[in-house]
Protein backbone atom coordinates (compact mmCIF):
# COMPACT_ATOMS: atom_id res chain seq x y z
CA MET A 1 0.00 0.00 0.00
CA ARG A 2 2.90 2.35 0.75
CA GLU A 3 4.41 1.66 -2.67
CA ARG A 4 1.03 2.15 -4.36
CA THR A 5 0.51 5.48 -2.56
CA HIS A 6 3.97 6.62 -3.61
CA LEU A 7 3.32 5.69 -7.26
CA GLU A 8 -0.02 7.51 -7.25
CA GLN A 9 1.62 10.62 -5.78
CA SER A 10 4.40 10.45 -8.37
CA ILE A 11 1.95 10.18 -11.28
CA THR A 12 -0.14 13.05 -9.90
CA ALA A 13 3.00 15.18 -9.54
CA VAL A 14 4.06 14.53 -13.14
CA GLN A 15 0.58 15.39 -14.42
CA ALA A 16 0.61 18.60 -12.37
CA MET A 17 4.01 19.58 -13.81
CA GLU A 18 2.77 18.90 -17.36
CA GLN A 19 -0.23 21.14 -16.73
CA GLU A 20 1.97 23.83 -15.21
CA LEU A 21 4.20 23.74 -18.30
CA GLU A 22 1.21 24.10 -20.62
CA ASP A 23 -0.07 27.04 -18.55
CA ALA A 24 3.35 28.74 -18.66
CA VAL A 25 3.60 28.32 -22.44
CA THR A 26 0.11 29.77 -22.84
CA LEU A 27 1.07 32.75 -20.64
CA ILE A 28 4.19 33.38 -22.73
CA GLU A 29 2.21 33.33 -25.96
CA LEU A 30 -0.38 35.67 -24.43
CA GLY A 31 2.28 38.01 -23.06
CA GLU A 32 4.13 38.18 -26.37
CA ALA A 33 0.92 38.75 -28.31
CA GLU A 34 -0.14 41.63 -26.07
CA ASP A 35 3.40 42.82 -25.27
CA ASP A 36 2.58 42.43 -21.55
CA GLU A 37 5.81 42.37 -19.52
CA ASP A 38 4.04 41.41 -16.26
CA THR A 39 2.54 38.32 -17.87
CA LEU A 40 5.93 37.32 -19.29
CA ASN A 41 7.57 37.75 -15.87
CA GLU A 42 4.88 35.60 -14.29
CA ALA A 43 5.47 32.88 -16.88
CA GLN A 44 9.23 33.00 -16.32
CA ALA A 45 8.74 32.64 -12.55
CA SER A 46 6.48 29.67 -13.16
CA LEU A 47 9.09 28.02 -15.41
CA ALA A 48 11.82 28.60 -12.81
CA SER A 49 9.67 26.93 -10.17
CA LEU A 50 8.92 24.07 -12.56
CA ARG A 51 12.64 23.60 -13.22
CA ASP A 52 13.27 23.18 -9.48
CA GLN A 53 10.43 20.68 -9.18
CA THR A 54 11.61 18.58 -12.10
CA GLY A 55 15.17 18.59 -10.76
CA LYS A 56 13.97 17.19 -7.45
CA ARG A 57 11.82 14.56 -9.18
CA GLU A 58 14.74 13.57 -11.37
CA LEU A 59 16.85 13.01 -8.27
CA GLU A 60 14.12 10.94 -6.63
CA SER A 61 14.05 8.74 -9.71
CA LEU A 62 17.65 7.79 -8.90
CA LEU A 63 16.48 6.18 -5.65
CA SER A 64 15.98 2.79 -7.22
CA GLY A 65 18.31 0.68 -5.09
CA GLU A 66 17.15 -2.53 -3.47
CA ALA A 67 16.49 -0.91 -0.08
CA ASP A 68 16.29 2.78 -1.01
CA SER A 69 12.60 3.09 -0.17
CA ASN A 70 13.06 1.67 3.34
CA ASP A 71 13.29 3.36 6.72
CA CYS A 72 16.83 3.54 8.09
CA PHE A 73 18.97 3.56 11.20
CA ILE A 74 21.59 6.24 11.88
CA GLU A 75 24.46 5.53 14.25
CA ILE A 76 26.59 8.45 15.46
CA HIS A 77 29.90 7.80 17.25
CA ALA A 78 32.25 10.39 18.71
CA GLY A 79 35.90 10.03 17.74
CA ALA A 80 38.97 10.60 19.87
CA GLY A 81 39.09 13.95 21.59
CA GLY A 82 36.89 13.64 24.66
CA THR A 83 34.33 16.36 25.32
CA GLU A 84 35.01 18.25 22.09
CA SER A 85 34.28 15.23 19.86
CA GLN A 86 31.30 14.22 22.00
CA ASP A 87 29.81 17.69 21.59
CA TRP A 88 30.35 17.35 17.82
CA ALA A 89 28.53 14.00 17.87
CA GLN A 90 25.57 15.68 19.54
CA MET A 91 25.60 18.49 16.97
CA LEU A 92 25.54 15.92 14.14
CA THR A 93 22.68 14.05 15.81
CA ARG A 94 20.67 17.27 16.01
CA MET A 95 21.52 18.03 12.36
CA TYR A 96 20.09 14.74 11.09
CA VAL A 97 17.03 14.99 13.33
CA ARG A 98 16.34 18.47 11.96
CA TRP A 99 16.81 17.22 8.38
CA ALA A 100 14.37 14.35 8.98
CA GLU A 101 11.74 16.59 10.58
CA ALA A 102 12.01 19.11 7.72
CA HIS A 103 11.24 16.29 5.26
CA GLY A 104 8.25 15.00 7.21
CA TYR A 105 10.01 11.88 8.49
CA LYS A 106 9.38 10.43 11.93
CA VAL A 107 12.35 10.10 14.29
CA GLU A 108 12.59 7.33 16.88
CA TRP A 109 15.38 7.28 19.47
CA LEU A 110 16.88 3.84 20.13
CA GLU A 111 20.09 4.46 22.06
CA GLU A 112 21.89 7.41 23.59
CA SER A 113 25.15 7.35 25.57
CA PRO A 114 25.92 10.78 27.05
CA GLY A 115 29.47 12.09 27.38
CA GLU A 116 31.16 12.62 30.74
CA GLU A 117 30.85 16.43 30.65
CA ALA A 118 28.75 17.22 27.58
CA GLY A 119 27.65 15.85 24.26
CA LEU A 120 27.20 12.21 23.25
CA LYS A 121 29.57 9.27 23.06
CA SER A 122 27.12 7.57 20.70
CA ALA A 123 23.51 7.60 19.60
CA THR A 124 21.27 5.48 17.39
CA ILE A 125 18.10 6.85 15.83
CA LYS A 126 15.57 5.42 13.41
CA ILE A 127 14.28 7.56 10.53
CA ILE A 128 10.84 6.43 9.39
CA GLY A 129 9.53 7.47 5.98
CA PHE A 130 9.56 6.58 2.29
CA ASN A 131 13.06 6.73 0.72
CA ALA A 132 14.71 7.55 4.05
CA TYR A 133 17.57 5.12 3.39
CA GLY A 134 17.88 6.19 -0.23
CA TRP A 135 18.48 9.80 0.71
CA LEU A 136 20.72 9.18 3.70
CA LYS A 137 22.86 6.24 2.55
CA THR A 138 25.65 8.41 1.16
CA GLU A 139 26.09 10.15 4.54
CA SER A 140 28.04 7.22 6.02
CA GLY A 141 31.62 8.15 6.89
CA VAL A 142 33.68 10.45 9.08
CA HIS A 143 32.63 14.08 9.55
CA ARG A 144 35.29 16.64 10.60
CA LEU A 145 34.69 19.82 12.60
CA VAL A 146 37.11 22.76 12.96
CA ARG A 147 36.20 25.49 15.44
CA ILE A 148 37.25 27.49 18.48
CA SER A 149 36.40 25.11 21.29
CA PRO A 150 33.93 26.43 23.89
CA TYR A 151 35.52 23.95 26.32
CA ASP A 152 39.05 25.37 25.94
CA SER A 153 39.82 28.22 28.36
CA ALA A 154 42.61 29.34 26.01
CA ALA A 155 40.12 29.64 23.11
CA ARG A 156 42.26 27.55 20.80
CA ARG A 157 41.14 26.04 17.52
CA HIS A 158 40.26 22.33 17.72
CA THR A 159 39.65 19.64 15.11
CA SER A 160 37.13 16.94 16.02
CA PHE A 161 35.86 13.82 14.29
CA SER A 162 32.65 11.80 14.54
CA SER A 163 31.43 8.94 12.38
CA ILE A 164 28.02 8.42 10.82
CA TRP A 165 26.78 4.96 9.90
CA ILE A 166 23.58 4.51 7.86
CA TYR A 167 21.86 1.18 7.25
CA PRO A 168 18.34 0.23 6.10
CA VAL A 169 15.49 -1.19 8.14
CA ILE A 170 14.49 -4.53 6.62
CA ASP A 171 11.17 -6.36 6.88
CA ASP A 172 10.32 -10.03 7.40
CA THR A 173 10.27 -10.71 3.66
CA ILE A 174 14.07 -10.55 3.66
CA GLU A 175 15.79 -13.50 5.31
CA VAL A 176 19.09 -12.85 7.06
CA GLN A 177 20.94 -15.89 8.37
CA TYR A 178 23.38 -15.94 11.28
CA GLU A 179 24.53 -18.51 13.82
CA GLU A 180 23.48 -18.15 17.46
CA LYS A 181 26.99 -19.20 18.51
CA ASP A 182 28.34 -16.12 16.70
CA LEU A 183 26.39 -13.74 18.95
CA ARG A 184 27.37 -12.27 22.30
CA ILE A 185 24.40 -10.73 24.14
CA ASP A 186 24.98 -8.41 27.10
CA THR A 187 22.48 -6.66 29.34
CA TYR A 188 23.36 -3.46 31.14
CA ARG A 189 21.81 -0.52 32.91
CA ALA A 190 20.69 2.27 30.61
CA SER A 191 22.33 5.67 30.92
CA GLY A 192 20.93 9.15 30.43
CA ALA A 193 17.30 10.21 30.50
CA GLY A 194 14.53 7.67 30.68
CA GLY A 195 12.96 7.63 34.13
CA GLN A 196 13.69 5.72 37.29
CA HIS A 197 12.78 2.27 36.01
CA VAL A 198 14.99 2.52 32.93
CA ASN A 199 17.97 3.66 34.96
CA LYS A 200 17.59 1.16 37.83
CA THR A 201 17.22 -2.11 35.93
CA ASP A 202 19.40 -3.96 33.43
CA SER A 203 16.95 -3.41 30.58
CA ALA A 204 19.42 -2.23 27.90
CA ILE A 205 20.65 -4.81 25.38
CA ARG A 206 23.91 -4.99 23.46
CA ILE A 207 24.44 -7.65 20.76
CA THR A 208 27.84 -8.33 19.21
CA HIS A 209 28.17 -10.35 16.00
CA VAL A 210 31.64 -11.77 16.61
CA PRO A 211 32.65 -12.72 13.01
CA THR A 212 32.01 -9.21 11.63
CA GLY A 213 32.53 -7.16 14.78
CA ILE A 214 29.12 -5.53 14.33
CA VAL A 215 27.72 -4.17 17.60
CA VAL A 216 24.15 -2.95 18.08
CA GLN A 217 22.46 -1.75 21.24
CA CYS A 218 19.05 -0.53 22.32
CA GLN A 219 17.89 1.08 25.56
CA ASN A 220 14.86 3.16 24.63
CA ASP A 221 12.26 0.90 26.30
CA ARG A 222 11.84 -0.15 29.91
CA SER A 223 11.19 -3.72 28.73
CA GLN A 224 14.28 -5.83 28.18
CA HIS A 225 12.30 -8.06 25.79
CA ARG A 226 11.30 -5.15 23.56
CA ASN A 227 14.83 -3.79 23.60
CA ARG A 228 16.12 -7.25 22.66
CA ALA A 229 13.66 -7.47 19.74
CA ALA A 230 14.67 -4.01 18.52
CA ALA A 231 18.37 -4.87 18.82
CA PHE A 232 17.89 -8.06 16.76
CA ASP A 233 16.08 -6.00 14.10
CA MET A 234 19.05 -3.65 14.01
CA LEU A 235 21.48 -6.58 13.78
CA ARG A 236 19.60 -8.12 10.85
CA ALA A 237 19.57 -4.72 9.16
CA ARG A 238 23.32 -4.28 9.67
CA LEU A 239 24.11 -7.73 8.28
CA TYR A 240 21.85 -7.07 5.30
CA GLU A 241 23.48 -3.70 4.67
CA LEU A 242 26.90 -5.34 4.84
CA GLU A 243 25.85 -7.81 2.15
CA LEU A 244 24.48 -4.94 0.02
CA GLN A 245 27.84 -3.22 0.26
CA ARG A 246 29.65 -6.36 -0.84
CA ARG A 247 27.45 -6.55 -3.94
CA GLU A 248 27.71 -2.89 -4.89
CA ASP A 249 30.91 -2.29 -6.83
CA ALA A 250 30.45 1.44 -6.57
CA ALA A 251 30.05 1.41 -2.77
CA GLN A 252 32.65 3.36 -0.85
CA ALA A 253 34.86 1.75 1.79
CA GLU A 254 32.49 2.73 4.59
CA HIS A 255 33.28 -0.21 6.83
CA ASP A 256 37.02 0.56 6.74
CA ALA A 257 36.34 4.24 7.40
CA LYS A 258 34.44 3.35 10.55
CA THR A 259 37.43 1.59 12.12
CA GLU A 260 39.42 4.81 12.38
CA ILE A 261 37.64 8.07 13.09
CA GLY A 262 40.33 10.56 12.16
CA TRP A 263 42.49 12.14 9.49
CA GLY A 264 42.35 10.74 5.97
CA HIS A 265 38.93 9.13 6.34
CA GLN A 266 36.56 12.13 6.43
CA ILE A 267 33.90 12.62 3.79
CA ARG A 268 32.93 16.17 4.80
CA SER A 269 34.55 19.06 6.63
CA TYR A 270 32.68 21.66 8.68
CA VAL A 271 34.86 24.72 9.33
CA LEU A 272 33.45 27.35 11.72
CA GLN A 273 36.71 29.23 12.41
CA PRO A 274 38.70 31.06 11.08
CA TYR A 275 36.24 31.10 8.18
CA GLN A 276 32.82 29.56 7.52
CA MET A 277 32.60 26.64 5.10
CA VAL A 278 31.14 23.17 4.77
CA LYS A 279 32.75 21.11 2.00
CA ASP A 280 32.07 17.57 0.82
CA LEU A 281 35.42 16.02 -0.06
CA ARG A 282 33.89 13.51 -2.49
CA THR A 283 31.82 15.82 -4.69
CA GLU A 284 33.52 19.20 -4.00
CA VAL A 285 30.11 20.70 -3.15
CA GLU A 286 30.56 23.50 -0.60
CA THR A 287 28.69 26.33 1.09
CA SER A 288 29.54 29.19 3.44
CA ASN A 289 26.13 28.99 5.15
CA THR A 290 27.32 26.67 7.90
CA GLN A 291 24.43 27.41 10.26
CA ALA A 292 21.87 26.30 7.67
CA VAL A 293 23.74 23.02 7.20
CA LEU A 294 23.93 22.38 10.95
CA ASP A 295 20.18 23.10 11.05
CA GLY A 296 19.58 20.27 8.60
CA ASP A 297 19.97 21.79 5.12
CA LEU A 298 21.76 18.77 3.65
CA ASP A 299 19.90 18.27 0.38
CA PRO A 300 22.60 19.76 -1.93
CA PHE A 301 25.24 17.43 -0.45
CA MET A 302 22.98 14.37 -0.59
CA ALA A 303 21.88 15.14 -4.16
CA ALA A 304 25.46 15.48 -5.41
CA SER A 305 26.64 12.32 -3.65
CA LEU A 306 23.67 10.34 -4.90
CA ALA A 307 24.14 11.52 -8.48
CA GLN A 308 27.86 10.68 -8.31
CA ARG A 309 27.14 7.23 -6.90
CA VAL A 310 24.54 6.44 -9.55
CA ALA A 311 26.81 7.75 -12.32
CA GLY A 312 29.65 5.60 -10.99
CA SER A 313 27.45 2.51 -10.94
CA GLY A 314 26.35 3.16 -14.51
CA LEU A 315 29.92 3.61 -15.70
CA GLU A 316 31.07 0.40 -14.07
CA SER A 317 28.12 -1.48 -15.54
CA GLU A 318 29.10 -0.25 -19.01
CA GLN A 319 32.69 -1.36 -18.38
CA GLU A 320 31.48 -4.81 -17.32
CA ASP A 321 29.30 -5.07 -20.44
CA ALA A 322 32.25 -4.11 -22.61
CA LYS A 323 34.32 -6.88 -21.06
């Protein structure tokens, strides 16, 4: 039903754009016939708006991957650097939550480990909505922040790193196999906000898949059983995403990047001092409006990365066909 609704909305949008184009052409003909500059300006504004709409629809048509339409999980991990990196991890978490809310997606918190003084050591959130994984999948990697640290009494410039890990939510129609003997399941007491019961019982669950080193954890519910079920869903999703990456020749080395959160592995730099700039190191897309980016304006970066990824896949497919 979700797919049918999406298709109906897409068809309606295309029909509306066709009608808007016809109306704009009619306005232009009318304006030229009567030499009416206001009518011509109105038609030009309509065409400019139509161009933006078609560009967005063209990008959405690129979201045709196996799991692109699915909901997704986002894991945020602070790198080395203590409070400074943990504060950066919290800023990134807020950035993705704001992006999701601006696009009408629902956000569900699954795990949150606060830092010793401020910020977050790690967090896991679930983004619920059509094409959530498709839009966010190119955000996996290390994100670098350069700024004057508010935690440094000498007001020195600091460089911090945090990693983002995106993987799709999968449903019961997809079978993921793993051996029980390969799992290590730990229970622990949840940290941070959540009420007395959450903080006083060992309701949080951590599952480690030993062969791959994948670790998932959930502490958002007071019930250990519900947290366990959610953690197993996350594990199945991570194993599925790992298999997707193995099958995608154009996929970046995201798993390797996660093992070291530092220099040489970043995909995007956020510079707040001595100048203002956010630059994606893969696509060269950049902007000086850093506050807008930190408030969730990520579409230009996602669009460029997605287009580059799709173009790369197409090129490699052509090379394989030639062979």
